Every structure is written in structure tokens, then in C-alpha cells.
N, C-alpha and C. Protein backbone atom coordinates (compact mmCIF):
# COMPACT_ATOMS: atom_id res chain seq x y z
N UNK A 1 0.73 -1.24 -0.01
CA UNK A 1 0.18 0.00 -0.01
C UNK A 1 0.92 1.32 -0.16
N UNK A 2 0.38 2.17 -0.76
CA UNK A 2 1.45 3.45 -0.80
C UNK A 2 1.16 4.34 0.48
N UNK A 3 2.16 4.74 0.87
CA UNK A 3 1.84 5.96 2.00
C UNK A 3 0.87 6.67 2.00
N UNK A 4 0.11 7.14 2.85
CA UNK A 4 -1.03 7.79 2.86
C UNK A 4 -2.27 7.40 2.58
N UNK A 5 -2.37 6.09 2.04
CA UNK A 5 -3.60 5.54 1.40
C UNK A 5 -3.84 4.28 2.24
N UNK A 6 -5.16 4.47 2.77
CA UNK A 6 -5.97 3.38 3.75
C UNK A 6 -6.21 2.66 3.19
N UNK A 7 -6.00 1.36 3.75
CA UNK A 7 -6.89 -0.02 3.28
C UNK A 7 -8.34 0.11 3.20
N UNK A 8 -8.99 0.95 3.89
CA UNK A 8 -10.45 1.15 3.95
C UNK A 8 -10.73 2.10 2.57
N UNK A 9 -9.96 2.97 2.31
CA UNK A 9 -9.97 3.95 1.13
C UNK A 9 -10.17 2.65 -0.21
N UNK A 10 -8.98 1.96 -0.19
CA UNK A 10 -8.80 0.89 -1.43
C UNK A 10 -9.89 0.05 -1.58
N UNK A 11 -10.35 -0.46 -0.23
CA UNK A 11 -11.44 -1.62 -0.33
C UNK A 11 -12.56 -0.65 -0.59
N UNK A 12 -12.66 0.54 -0.41
CA UNK A 12 -13.94 1.55 -0.60
C UNK A 12 -13.65 1.58 -2.09
N UNK A 13 -12.84 1.83 -2.67
CA UNK A 13 -12.94 2.19 -4.51
C UNK A 13 -13.55 0.47 -4.86
N UNK A 14 -12.99 -0.38 -4.56
CA UNK A 14 -13.26 -1.52 -5.00
C UNK A 14 -14.76 -1.83 -4.36
N UNK A 15 -15.08 -1.81 -3.63
CA UNK A 15 -16.67 -2.04 -3.18
C UNK A 15 -17.38 -1.32 -4.29
N UNK A 16 -17.09 0.23 -4.31
CA UNK A 16 -17.47 0.80 -5.25
C UNK A 16 -17.79 0.10 -6.60
N UNK A 17 -16.83 -0.37 -6.89
CA UNK A 17 -16.73 -0.93 -8.23
C UNK A 17 -17.64 -2.14 -8.22
N UNK A 18 -17.66 -2.92 -7.35
CA UNK A 18 -18.64 -4.17 -7.02
C UNK A 18 -20.01 -3.45 -7.11
N UNK A 19 -20.23 -2.62 -6.31
CA UNK A 19 -21.75 -1.83 -6.34
C UNK A 19 -21.82 -1.33 -7.76
N UNK A 20 -20.91 -0.87 -8.63
CA UNK A 20 -21.23 -0.14 -9.91
C UNK A 20 -21.54 -1.33 -10.94
N UNK A 21 -20.95 -2.41 -10.72
CA UNK A 21 -21.54 -3.55 -11.50
C UNK A 21 -22.69 -4.25 -11.35
N UNK A 22 -23.16 -4.03 -10.06
CA UNK A 22 -24.43 -4.40 -9.67
C UNK A 22 -25.49 -3.56 -10.23
N UNK A 23 -25.24 -2.36 -10.06
CA UNK A 23 -26.01 -1.15 -10.34
C UNK A 23 -26.43 -1.38 -11.79
N UNK A 24 -25.25 -1.40 -12.41
CA UNK A 24 -25.39 -1.65 -13.97
C UNK A 24 -26.19 -2.87 -14.47
N UNK A 25 -26.43 -4.02 -13.83
CA UNK A 25 -27.02 -5.13 -14.00
C UNK A 25 -28.50 -4.92 -13.38
N UNK A 26 -28.81 -3.97 -12.70
CA UNK A 26 -30.18 -4.15 -12.07
C UNK A 26 -31.34 -4.13 -12.77
N UNK A 27 -32.19 -4.83 -13.26
CA UNK A 27 -33.02 -4.76 -13.81
C UNK A 27 -34.26 -4.10 -13.24
N UNK A 28 -34.52 -3.89 -12.06
CA UNK A 28 -35.67 -3.37 -11.81
C UNK A 28 -35.29 -3.47 -9.99
N UNK A 29 -36.09 -2.10 -9.31
CA UNK A 29 -36.14 -2.12 -7.88
C UNK A 29 -37.55 -2.07 -7.49
N UNK A 30 -37.96 -3.29 -6.85
CA UNK A 30 -39.48 -3.53 -6.68
C UNK A 30 -39.94 -3.28 -4.78
N UNK A 31 -40.40 -2.54 -4.82
CA UNK A 31 -40.72 -2.23 -3.44
C UNK A 31 -39.47 -2.43 -2.19
N UNK A 32 -38.50 -1.62 -2.75
CA UNK A 32 -37.37 -1.62 -2.05
C UNK A 32 -36.59 -3.00 -1.86
N UNK A 33 -37.07 -4.01 -2.67
CA UNK A 33 -36.46 -5.32 -3.05
C UNK A 33 -35.69 -4.93 -4.13
N UNK A 34 -34.49 -5.55 -4.38
CA UNK A 34 -33.48 -5.43 -5.28
C UNK A 34 -33.65 -6.85 -6.20
N UNK A 35 -33.56 -6.46 -7.12
CA UNK A 35 -33.24 -7.72 -8.37
C UNK A 35 -32.32 -7.78 -8.82
N UNK A 36 -31.59 -8.98 -8.84
CA UNK A 36 -30.28 -8.67 -9.47
C UNK A 36 -29.88 -10.17 -10.35
N UNK A 37 -29.17 -9.99 -11.49
CA UNK A 37 -29.17 -11.04 -12.39
C UNK A 37 -27.77 -11.83 -11.92
N UNK A 38 -27.87 -12.94 -11.87
CA UNK A 38 -26.69 -13.64 -11.53
C UNK A 38 -25.84 -13.55 -12.85
N UNK A 39 -24.12 -13.73 -12.63
CA UNK A 39 -23.32 -13.82 -13.70
C UNK A 39 -22.62 -14.71 -13.27
N UNK A 40 -22.32 -15.63 -14.26
CA UNK A 40 -21.57 -16.88 -14.45
C UNK A 40 -20.01 -16.47 -14.41
N UNK A 41 -19.25 -16.78 -13.46
CA UNK A 41 -17.59 -16.20 -13.55
C UNK A 41 -17.23 -17.00 -14.63
N UNK A 42 -15.97 -16.30 -15.12
CA UNK A 42 -15.12 -17.00 -16.20
C UNK A 42 -13.78 -17.49 -15.70
N UNK A 43 -13.38 -16.76 -14.20
CA UNK A 43 -12.20 -17.07 -14.00
C UNK A 43 -12.31 -18.36 -13.01
N UNK A 44 -11.21 -19.44 -13.26
CA UNK A 44 -11.15 -20.89 -12.69
C UNK A 44 -11.72 -20.60 -11.14
N UNK A 45 -10.81 -19.72 -10.39
CA UNK A 45 -10.93 -19.71 -9.11
C UNK A 45 -12.21 -18.98 -8.69
N UNK A 46 -12.78 -18.14 -9.50
CA UNK A 46 -14.23 -17.25 -9.37
C UNK A 46 -15.12 -18.26 -9.32
N UNK A 47 -14.99 -19.44 -10.29
CA UNK A 47 -15.99 -20.52 -10.46
C UNK A 47 -16.15 -21.47 -9.16
N UNK A 48 -14.58 -21.79 -8.50
CA UNK A 48 -14.52 -22.53 -7.23
C UNK A 48 -15.00 -21.90 -6.27
N UNK A 49 -14.98 -20.42 -6.06
CA UNK A 49 -15.68 -19.66 -5.18
C UNK A 49 -17.19 -19.59 -5.11
N UNK A 50 -17.73 -19.43 -6.41
CA UNK A 50 -19.01 -19.58 -6.25
C UNK A 50 -19.48 -21.02 -6.19
N UNK A 51 -19.32 -22.27 -6.57
CA UNK A 51 -19.28 -23.34 -6.03
C UNK A 51 -19.21 -23.63 -4.44
N UNK A 52 -18.28 -23.04 -4.04
CA UNK A 52 -18.25 -23.59 -2.73
C UNK A 52 -19.03 -22.78 -1.61
N UNK A 53 -19.64 -21.27 -2.35
CA UNK A 53 -20.65 -20.92 -1.65
C UNK A 53 -22.14 -21.16 -1.65
N UNK A 54 -22.15 -21.57 -3.19
CA UNK A 54 -23.31 -22.39 -3.08
C UNK A 54 -23.57 -23.67 -2.35
N UNK A 55 -22.46 -24.61 -2.01
CA UNK A 55 -22.70 -25.83 -1.26
C UNK A 55 -22.83 -25.20 0.12
N UNK A 56 -22.49 -24.06 0.26
CA UNK A 56 -23.20 -23.57 2.09
C UNK A 56 -24.33 -22.87 1.91
N UNK A 57 -24.86 -23.06 0.92
CA UNK A 57 -26.51 -22.66 0.83
C UNK A 57 -26.60 -20.96 0.46
N UNK A 58 -25.82 -20.41 -0.16
CA UNK A 58 -25.93 -19.10 -0.44
C UNK A 58 -26.19 -18.74 -2.15
N UNK A 59 -27.09 -17.90 -2.40
CA UNK A 59 -27.08 -17.69 -3.79
C UNK A 59 -26.20 -16.33 -4.08
N UNK A 60 -25.60 -16.81 -5.17
CA UNK A 60 -24.30 -16.05 -5.62
C UNK A 60 -24.61 -15.20 -6.87
N UNK A 61 -24.32 -13.78 -6.86
CA UNK A 61 -24.74 -12.94 -7.84
C UNK A 61 -23.51 -12.75 -9.00
N UNK A 62 -22.21 -12.72 -8.15
CA UNK A 62 -21.02 -12.48 -8.83
C UNK A 62 -20.01 -12.61 -7.99
N UNK A 63 -18.78 -12.90 -8.28
CA UNK A 63 -17.37 -13.12 -7.56
C UNK A 63 -16.54 -11.96 -8.60
N UNK A 64 -16.16 -10.98 -8.00
CA UNK A 64 -15.74 -9.82 -8.51
C UNK A 64 -13.96 -9.97 -8.21
N UNK A 65 -13.17 -9.51 -9.08
CA UNK A 65 -11.76 -9.68 -9.01
C UNK A 65 -10.98 -8.49 -9.49
N UNK A 66 -10.37 -7.70 -8.73
CA UNK A 66 -9.45 -6.66 -9.00
C UNK A 66 -8.02 -7.19 -8.54
N UNK A 67 -7.31 -7.70 -9.87
CA UNK A 67 -5.88 -8.06 -9.65
C UNK A 67 -5.04 -6.76 -8.92
N UNK A 68 -3.83 -7.48 -8.36
CA UNK A 68 -3.12 -6.68 -8.00
C UNK A 68 -2.52 -5.40 -8.65
N UNK A 69 -2.20 -4.28 -8.29
CA UNK A 69 -1.72 -3.09 -9.23
C UNK A 69 -0.62 -2.61 -8.54
N UNK A 70 0.65 -2.53 -9.11
CA UNK A 70 1.51 -1.97 -8.22
C UNK A 70 1.66 -2.32 -6.69
N UNK A 71 1.56 -1.60 -5.91
CA UNK A 71 1.66 -1.69 -4.53
C UNK A 71 0.44 -2.16 -3.68
N UNK A 72 -0.82 -2.08 -4.57
CA UNK A 72 -2.24 -2.42 -3.94
C UNK A 72 -2.13 -3.87 -4.34
N UNK A 73 -2.74 -4.48 -3.23
CA UNK A 73 -3.26 -5.72 -3.29
C UNK A 73 -4.53 -6.02 -3.88
N UNK A 74 -4.63 -7.36 -4.67
CA UNK A 74 -5.55 -8.03 -5.14
C UNK A 74 -6.88 -8.02 -4.21
N UNK A 75 -7.83 -7.72 -4.89
CA UNK A 75 -9.08 -7.86 -4.04
C UNK A 75 -10.03 -8.72 -4.74
N UNK A 76 -10.62 -9.34 -3.77
CA UNK A 76 -11.95 -10.53 -4.42
C UNK A 76 -13.16 -9.96 -3.56
N UNK A 77 -14.19 -10.00 -4.35
CA UNK A 77 -15.52 -9.77 -3.56
C UNK A 77 -16.44 -10.68 -4.20
N UNK A 78 -17.00 -11.12 -3.12
CA UNK A 78 -18.10 -12.32 -3.39
C UNK A 78 -19.41 -11.74 -3.29
N UNK A 79 -20.55 -11.59 -4.15
CA UNK A 79 -21.66 -10.74 -3.90
C UNK A 79 -22.43 -12.01 -3.71
N UNK A 80 -22.99 -11.90 -2.62
CA UNK A 80 -24.39 -12.88 -2.31
C UNK A 80 -25.61 -12.51 -1.53
N UNK A 81 -26.51 -13.21 -1.88
CA UNK A 81 -27.76 -12.82 -1.40
C UNK A 81 -27.80 -12.98 0.33
N UNK A 82 -28.30 -11.80 0.95
CA UNK A 82 -28.39 -12.12 2.52
C UNK A 82 -29.20 -13.31 2.82
N UNK A 83 -28.58 -14.04 3.90
CA UNK A 83 -29.33 -15.34 4.26
C UNK A 83 -30.42 -14.92 5.38
N UNK A 84 -30.58 -13.61 5.89
CA UNK A 84 -31.46 -13.22 6.84
C UNK A 84 -32.58 -12.24 6.40
N UNK A 85 -33.60 -12.32 7.20
CA UNK A 85 -34.77 -11.46 6.95
C UNK A 85 -34.33 -10.15 7.44
N UNK A 86 -33.99 -9.95 8.57
CA UNK A 86 -33.63 -8.98 9.24
C UNK A 86 -32.11 -9.01 9.79
N UNK A 87 -31.18 -8.23 9.36
CA UNK A 87 -29.68 -8.45 10.09
C UNK A 87 -29.63 -8.29 11.59
N UNK A 88 -28.93 -9.22 11.97
CA UNK A 88 -28.44 -9.44 13.53
C UNK A 88 -27.04 -9.69 13.11
N UNK A 89 -26.17 -9.18 14.30
CA UNK A 89 -24.27 -9.29 13.80
C UNK A 89 -24.28 -10.53 14.06
N UNK A 90 -24.77 -11.75 14.48
CA UNK A 90 -24.66 -13.02 14.47
C UNK A 90 -24.61 -13.37 12.86
N UNK A 91 -25.78 -13.34 12.34
CA UNK A 91 -26.38 -13.57 11.03
C UNK A 91 -25.59 -13.02 9.88
N UNK A 92 -25.26 -12.02 10.06
CA UNK A 92 -24.26 -11.22 9.24
C UNK A 92 -23.07 -11.54 9.14
N UNK A 93 -22.48 -11.88 10.15
CA UNK A 93 -20.94 -12.05 10.74
C UNK A 93 -20.94 -13.61 10.32
N UNK A 94 -21.93 -14.48 10.78
CA UNK A 94 -21.55 -15.89 10.15
C UNK A 94 -21.38 -15.91 8.57
N UNK A 95 -22.52 -15.32 7.87
CA UNK A 95 -22.29 -15.16 6.29
C UNK A 95 -21.13 -14.93 5.81
N UNK A 96 -20.47 -13.64 6.61
CA UNK A 96 -19.37 -12.87 5.94
C UNK A 96 -18.03 -14.15 6.33
N UNK A 97 -18.23 -14.79 7.56
CA UNK A 97 -17.35 -15.64 7.83
C UNK A 97 -17.17 -16.90 6.77
N UNK A 98 -18.23 -17.28 6.47
CA UNK A 98 -18.51 -18.41 5.68
C UNK A 98 -18.03 -17.88 4.05
N UNK A 99 -18.21 -16.70 3.82
CA UNK A 99 -17.73 -16.18 2.38
C UNK A 99 -16.29 -15.97 2.83
N UNK A 100 -15.65 -15.70 3.67
CA UNK A 100 -14.41 -15.42 3.55
C UNK A 100 -13.58 -16.64 3.78
N UNK A 101 -14.04 -17.76 4.52
CA UNK A 101 -13.83 -19.12 4.88
C UNK A 101 -13.61 -19.75 3.31
N UNK A 102 -14.55 -19.77 2.35
CA UNK A 102 -14.38 -20.47 1.13
C UNK A 102 -13.71 -19.64 0.16
N UNK A 103 -13.36 -18.35 0.30
CA UNK A 103 -12.63 -17.51 -0.85
C UNK A 103 -11.16 -17.65 0.00
N UNK A 104 -10.60 -17.81 1.25
CA UNK A 104 -9.48 -18.28 1.51
C UNK A 104 -9.08 -19.41 1.16
N UNK A 105 -9.87 -20.61 1.33
CA UNK A 105 -9.51 -22.06 0.75
C UNK A 105 -9.40 -22.23 -0.57
N UNK A 106 -9.96 -20.95 -1.33
CA UNK A 106 -9.44 -21.25 -2.90
C UNK A 106 -8.23 -20.52 -3.22
N UNK A 107 -7.99 -19.35 -2.68
CA UNK A 107 -7.16 -18.36 -2.68
C UNK A 107 -5.96 -18.72 -2.34
N UNK A 108 -5.49 -19.91 -2.05
CA UNK A 108 -3.88 -20.28 -1.30
C UNK A 108 -2.83 -19.90 -1.95
N UNK A 109 -2.98 -19.57 -3.23
CA UNK A 109 -2.04 -19.03 -3.94
C UNK A 109 -1.80 -17.53 -3.69
N UNK A 110 -2.62 -16.82 -3.40
CA UNK A 110 -2.60 -15.40 -3.41
C UNK A 110 -1.90 -14.92 -2.25
N UNK A 111 -1.18 -13.54 -2.04
CA UNK A 111 -0.55 -13.25 -0.98
C UNK A 111 -1.47 -12.86 0.12
N UNK A 112 -0.62 -12.84 1.47
CA UNK A 112 -1.66 -12.60 2.28
C UNK A 112 -2.09 -11.22 2.57
N UNK A 113 -1.47 -10.24 1.71
CA UNK A 113 -2.40 -9.07 1.88
C UNK A 113 -3.63 -8.76 0.90
N UNK A 114 -3.94 -10.02 0.20
CA UNK A 114 -5.18 -9.74 -0.59
C UNK A 114 -6.57 -9.55 0.38
N UNK A 115 -7.18 -8.71 -0.20
CA UNK A 115 -8.25 -8.29 0.53
C UNK A 115 -9.62 -9.26 -0.07
N UNK A 116 -10.13 -9.72 0.86
CA UNK A 116 -11.34 -10.47 0.61
C UNK A 116 -12.77 -9.62 0.88
N UNK A 117 -13.68 -9.49 0.16
CA UNK A 117 -14.79 -8.69 0.42
C UNK A 117 -16.12 -9.92 0.57
N UNK A 118 -17.06 -9.93 1.59
CA UNK A 118 -18.24 -10.52 1.62
C UNK A 118 -19.30 -9.45 1.56
N UNK A 119 -19.67 -9.33 0.03
CA UNK A 119 -20.87 -8.70 -0.14
C UNK A 119 -22.11 -9.17 -0.16
N UNK A 120 -22.86 -8.60 1.19
CA UNK A 120 -24.19 -9.13 1.14
C UNK A 120 -25.54 -8.22 0.67
N UNK A 121 -26.17 -8.60 -0.20
CA UNK A 121 -27.39 -8.00 -0.49
C UNK A 121 -28.64 -8.24 0.09
N UNK A 122 -28.96 -7.16 0.79
CA UNK A 122 -30.16 -7.12 1.76
C UNK A 122 -31.11 -5.76 1.18
N UNK A 123 -31.95 -6.16 1.09
CA UNK A 123 -33.47 -5.25 0.33
C UNK A 123 -32.80 -4.56 -0.43
N UNK A 124 -32.42 -3.19 0.19
CA UNK A 124 -31.83 -2.15 -0.87
C UNK A 124 -30.45 -1.81 -0.47
N UNK A 125 -29.91 -2.55 0.32
CA UNK A 125 -28.56 -2.36 0.67
C UNK A 125 -27.64 -3.51 0.32
N UNK A 126 -26.29 -2.74 -0.06
CA UNK A 126 -25.09 -4.12 0.20
C UNK A 126 -24.39 -3.94 1.29
N UNK A 127 -24.08 -4.93 2.08
CA UNK A 127 -23.29 -4.66 3.42
C UNK A 127 -22.19 -5.31 2.79
N UNK A 128 -21.20 -4.55 3.20
CA UNK A 128 -19.74 -4.98 2.35
C UNK A 128 -18.56 -5.35 3.64
N UNK A 129 -18.35 -6.57 4.02
CA UNK A 129 -17.46 -6.90 5.00
C UNK A 129 -16.09 -7.26 4.64
N UNK A 130 -15.02 -6.69 4.82
CA UNK A 130 -13.64 -7.08 4.30
C UNK A 130 -12.52 -7.14 5.10
N UNK A 131 -12.10 -8.19 4.91
CA UNK A 131 -10.64 -8.83 5.49
C UNK A 131 -9.60 -9.02 4.59
N UNK A 132 -8.30 -9.04 5.11
CA UNK A 132 -6.99 -9.70 4.19
C UNK A 132 -7.25 -11.02 4.46
N UNK A 133 -6.41 -11.69 3.76
CA UNK A 133 -6.50 -13.23 3.86
C UNK A 133 -5.48 -13.49 5.23
N UNK A 134 -4.50 -12.40 5.49
CA UNK A 134 -3.63 -12.55 6.81
C UNK A 134 -4.50 -12.55 7.80
N UNK A 135 -5.45 -11.63 7.71
CA UNK A 135 -6.36 -11.40 9.01
C UNK A 135 -7.28 -12.47 9.28
N UNK A 136 -7.75 -13.33 8.16
CA UNK A 136 -8.75 -14.27 8.22
C UNK A 136 -8.07 -15.35 8.88
N UNK A 137 -6.50 -15.64 8.16
CA UNK A 137 -5.74 -16.77 8.82
C UNK A 137 -5.48 -16.61 10.39
N UNK A 138 -5.21 -15.23 10.74
CA UNK A 138 -4.84 -15.14 11.88
C UNK A 138 -6.41 -15.81 12.98
N UNK A 139 -7.12 -15.25 12.47
CA UNK A 139 -8.35 -15.53 13.20
C UNK A 139 -8.51 -16.97 13.32
N UNK A 140 -8.62 -17.52 12.23
CA UNK A 140 -8.64 -19.14 12.05
C UNK A 140 -7.75 -19.70 13.05
N UNK A 141 -6.31 -19.37 13.01
CA UNK A 141 -5.19 -20.09 14.23
C UNK A 141 -5.59 -19.61 15.54
N UNK A 142 -6.41 -18.37 15.79
CA UNK A 142 -6.60 -18.18 17.27
C UNK A 142 -7.80 -19.01 17.46
N UNK A 143 -8.87 -18.98 16.67
CA UNK A 143 -10.01 -19.94 16.78
C UNK A 143 -10.09 -21.17 17.38
N UNK A 144 -9.23 -22.02 16.30
CA UNK A 144 -8.41 -23.11 16.75
C UNK A 144 -8.04 -23.78 17.51
N UNK A 145 -7.02 -22.72 18.45
CA UNK A 145 -6.17 -22.87 19.30
C UNK A 145 -6.94 -22.76 20.60
N UNK A 146 -8.04 -21.96 20.64
CA UNK A 146 -8.84 -21.44 21.64
C UNK A 146 -9.28 -22.75 22.56
N UNK A 147 -9.14 -22.52 23.80
CA UNK A 147 -9.20 -23.65 24.74
C UNK A 147 -10.96 -23.62 25.71
N UNK A 148 -11.38 -22.14 25.16
CA UNK A 148 -12.51 -22.11 25.89
C UNK A 148 -13.39 -20.98 25.10
N UNK A 149 -14.48 -20.69 25.60
CA UNK A 149 -15.35 -19.65 25.04
C UNK A 149 -14.91 -18.20 25.04
N UNK A 150 -14.09 -18.10 26.15
CA UNK A 150 -13.40 -16.42 26.31
C UNK A 150 -12.55 -16.39 25.22
N UNK A 151 -11.78 -17.48 25.08
CA UNK A 151 -10.73 -17.39 23.93
C UNK A 151 -11.18 -17.24 22.63
N UNK A 152 -12.22 -17.93 22.18
CA UNK A 152 -12.83 -17.76 20.90
C UNK A 152 -13.69 -16.17 20.81
N UNK A 153 -14.11 -15.77 22.05
CA UNK A 153 -14.82 -14.48 21.99
C UNK A 153 -13.57 -13.62 21.61
N UNK A 154 -12.33 -13.73 22.18
CA UNK A 154 -11.60 -12.70 22.07
C UNK A 154 -10.88 -12.69 20.57
N UNK A 155 -10.57 -14.06 20.07
CA UNK A 155 -10.34 -14.04 18.64
C UNK A 155 -11.35 -13.52 17.72
N UNK A 156 -12.77 -13.61 17.89
CA UNK A 156 -13.95 -12.94 17.20
C UNK A 156 -13.65 -11.65 17.44
N UNK A 157 -13.46 -11.18 18.48
CA UNK A 157 -13.58 -9.57 18.87
C UNK A 157 -12.26 -8.98 18.03
N UNK A 158 -11.04 -9.55 17.94
CA UNK A 158 -9.96 -9.11 17.09
C UNK A 158 -10.14 -9.04 15.78
N UNK A 159 -10.80 -10.08 15.18
CA UNK A 159 -11.15 -10.02 13.88
C UNK A 159 -12.33 -8.96 13.55
N UNK A 160 -13.29 -8.72 14.34
CA UNK A 160 -14.02 -7.49 14.15
C UNK A 160 -13.41 -6.12 14.14
N UNK A 161 -12.38 -6.33 14.88
CA UNK A 161 -11.45 -4.98 14.87
C UNK A 161 -10.66 -4.53 13.78
N UNK A 162 -10.52 -5.46 13.08
CA UNK A 162 -9.46 -5.35 12.07
C UNK A 162 -10.37 -5.31 10.72
N UNK A 163 -11.57 -5.82 10.82
CA UNK A 163 -12.57 -6.11 9.73
C UNK A 163 -12.81 -4.52 9.29
N UNK A 164 -13.25 -4.51 7.98
CA UNK A 164 -13.65 -3.26 7.42
C UNK A 164 -15.13 -3.41 6.96
N UNK A 165 -16.06 -2.29 7.33
CA UNK A 165 -17.24 -2.54 6.96
C UNK A 165 -17.90 -1.23 6.25
N UNK A 166 -18.59 -1.23 5.32
CA UNK A 166 -19.45 -0.60 4.61
C UNK A 166 -20.62 -0.72 3.89
N UNK A 167 -21.40 0.24 3.87
CA UNK A 167 -22.96 0.19 3.35
C UNK A 167 -23.41 0.77 2.18
N UNK A 168 -23.81 0.06 0.96
CA UNK A 168 -24.12 0.75 -0.31
C UNK A 168 -25.39 0.85 -0.39
N UNK A 169 -26.10 2.04 -0.52
CA UNK A 169 -27.61 2.10 -0.67
C UNK A 169 -27.96 2.14 -2.19
N UNK A 170 -28.28 0.89 -2.65
CA UNK A 170 -28.49 0.80 -4.10
C UNK A 170 -29.76 1.85 -4.56
N UNK A 171 -30.86 2.26 -3.62
CA UNK A 171 -31.93 3.09 -4.43
C UNK A 171 -31.07 4.45 -4.41
N UNK A 172 -30.40 4.93 -3.47
CA UNK A 172 -30.01 6.16 -3.57
C UNK A 172 -28.91 6.40 -4.12
N UNK A 173 -28.02 5.36 -4.61
CA UNK A 173 -27.06 5.30 -5.34
C UNK A 173 -25.52 5.99 -4.37
N UNK A 174 -25.70 5.62 -3.12
CA UNK A 174 -24.52 6.34 -2.32
C UNK A 174 -23.97 5.60 -1.19
N UNK A 175 -22.94 5.81 -0.51
CA UNK A 175 -22.74 5.25 0.79
C UNK A 175 -23.61 5.54 1.93
N UNK A 176 -23.90 4.68 2.82
CA UNK A 176 -24.78 4.95 3.82
C UNK A 176 -23.87 4.87 4.85
N UNK A 177 -24.38 6.13 6.28
CA UNK A 177 -23.33 6.01 7.29
C UNK A 177 -23.53 4.69 7.82
N UNK A 178 -22.45 4.08 8.31
CA UNK A 178 -22.17 2.70 9.05
C UNK A 178 -23.22 3.01 10.31
N UNK A 179 -22.95 3.65 11.11
CA UNK A 179 -23.67 3.88 12.87
C UNK A 179 -24.75 3.91 12.26
N UNK A 180 -25.37 5.00 11.56
CA UNK A 180 -27.02 5.33 11.66
C UNK A 180 -27.51 3.77 11.01
N UNK A 181 -26.83 3.46 9.92
CA UNK A 181 -27.29 1.90 9.32
C UNK A 181 -27.45 0.84 10.47
N UNK A 182 -26.25 0.74 11.32
CA UNK A 182 -26.23 -0.24 11.91
C UNK A 182 -27.54 0.11 13.28
N UNK A 183 -27.86 1.18 13.63
CA UNK A 183 -28.50 1.34 14.60
C UNK A 183 -30.00 1.34 14.16
N UNK A 184 -30.58 1.53 12.93
CA UNK A 184 -31.65 1.53 12.40
C UNK A 184 -32.06 0.20 11.88
N UNK A 185 -31.22 -0.73 11.62
CA UNK A 185 -31.60 -2.10 10.97
C UNK A 185 -31.07 -3.10 11.50
N UNK A 186 -30.28 -3.36 12.37
CA UNK A 186 -29.97 -4.43 13.10
C UNK A 186 -30.65 -4.67 14.30
N UNK A 187 -31.03 -5.97 14.21
CA UNK A 187 -32.13 -6.41 15.22
C UNK A 187 -31.46 -6.81 16.75
N UNK A 188 -30.00 -6.75 16.95
CA UNK A 188 -29.36 -6.96 17.81
C UNK A 188 -28.87 -5.69 18.38
């Protein structure tokens, strides 16, 4: 990463690209529900990610790739339908974790700095959860080494602190304020 450039800024740019691809493909907005046409990935790893997510019960709209450019790491984004009616932290994080886990297992040859985005389409919003491969690997190591619930909770809290989160409002075509969104929409 170049000095003065935050990972959140880079992730935001790619998340915006993901959103742009989706918005361009939106056939209609119906009662604040989004209808998105799925794309079949052409990249072999993207196809593996899509198949892995589908095996875990997710509807996959797209797997978006931005290859590494100079010092900027590669970014992989999996765009899936939300598996919940009203988001709770547990439901949204469980879906993000399953998405990152599939992506991490497929992208074994990608560098540790590779960014993994779990984009969840919920009503008129796209919830974007991003971590690096290294952050996910660190979490898995701590989680698997945990001897009790307190240690697992500590591992999860460390992951959440490193994670980037953003919300795209499809209907208004702009980023939503995260704090305001969470306070209004999360059930817990």
C-alpha cells in the first residue's frame, strides 16, 4: 500500500466497483427489494468460490476480482444474497465468515495482503465486510487454538476490530452512514 493511502480507501474503491457492476445489472427495484441477475464467473478460481458458496447454501450473484496493481493488493469480492430477513450481528458475521472461509480456501496461492470482501445484498442495501487473507488466517489460528469460549470470543473480537465495514444504498446510489445504518437496521 502506498504511504498515506488507507486500506479502507482502497477497499471502498473496489466495493464501489462491485456496487457499480451490480447497479448496472439491476433490471428493477421493486418495493425496495433488489432484483439482480446472476453472472457466471469465467475465472477458474471465481468458479470454485461460487461453487463453494453455493454448497454452503448461498445464492451467488457474482465474484468480482481486481488483480493486484503496483503496491495495491488484489481484491476479491463475493456478492451473495443475504441469508437473513432482518440482519443481526451474528447472522451477518456468520455469512461473512463463511464467505471469507470459502475464498481463503480457494485463494491459497494469493498473497497474504489480498483483500476478501463478503458483499451481502439485503433489501436495498449491500453490506460489505472486508478482511485480508492474513487477518482471516490469524483469526482461524486463534479460533482453532482457543481452549474455551472466552478465548474464542477474544479471537472474534480481534477479527471484528480489523474488519472494514461499509454499506451501499442501492436505491439512493450512495454510501450509507455505517453507525446510523447499524442503529436503524440491526435486530440486536
